[in-house]
């Protein structure tokens, strides 16, 4: 998992270096507002899982499966929205391809990690 995160960060850095200064600024502006919303949703997902773990509201195995499903859905939705935003704002194809590759690597690593813990 750590290797895939390292590789994806290296690919991100390489793609970011190829962007023009205007596109780098646009990238920051595009996603600065979204970070708070996506972070709140992610924190809410984790808190609900931990509350269920503490109070055993539903079966632990069922909650684990549900947690993995909800996290995977969250990652897919956020990735799709990001992809769409990049396309709508005319980011270069190389950057969008790099985004898809790095997101896929991280998502696969996360799913393998989570499935290994169930």
Foldseek 3Di string as FASTA:
>chain_A
DVVLLVVLVVLLVVLVVPDDPVVNVVVCVLCVVVVVVLVVVVVVLVVVLVVCVVVVPDPNVVSLVVSLVVVLVSLVVVLVVVLVSCVVVPPDPSNSVSSVVSSVSVSVVVSVVSVVVD
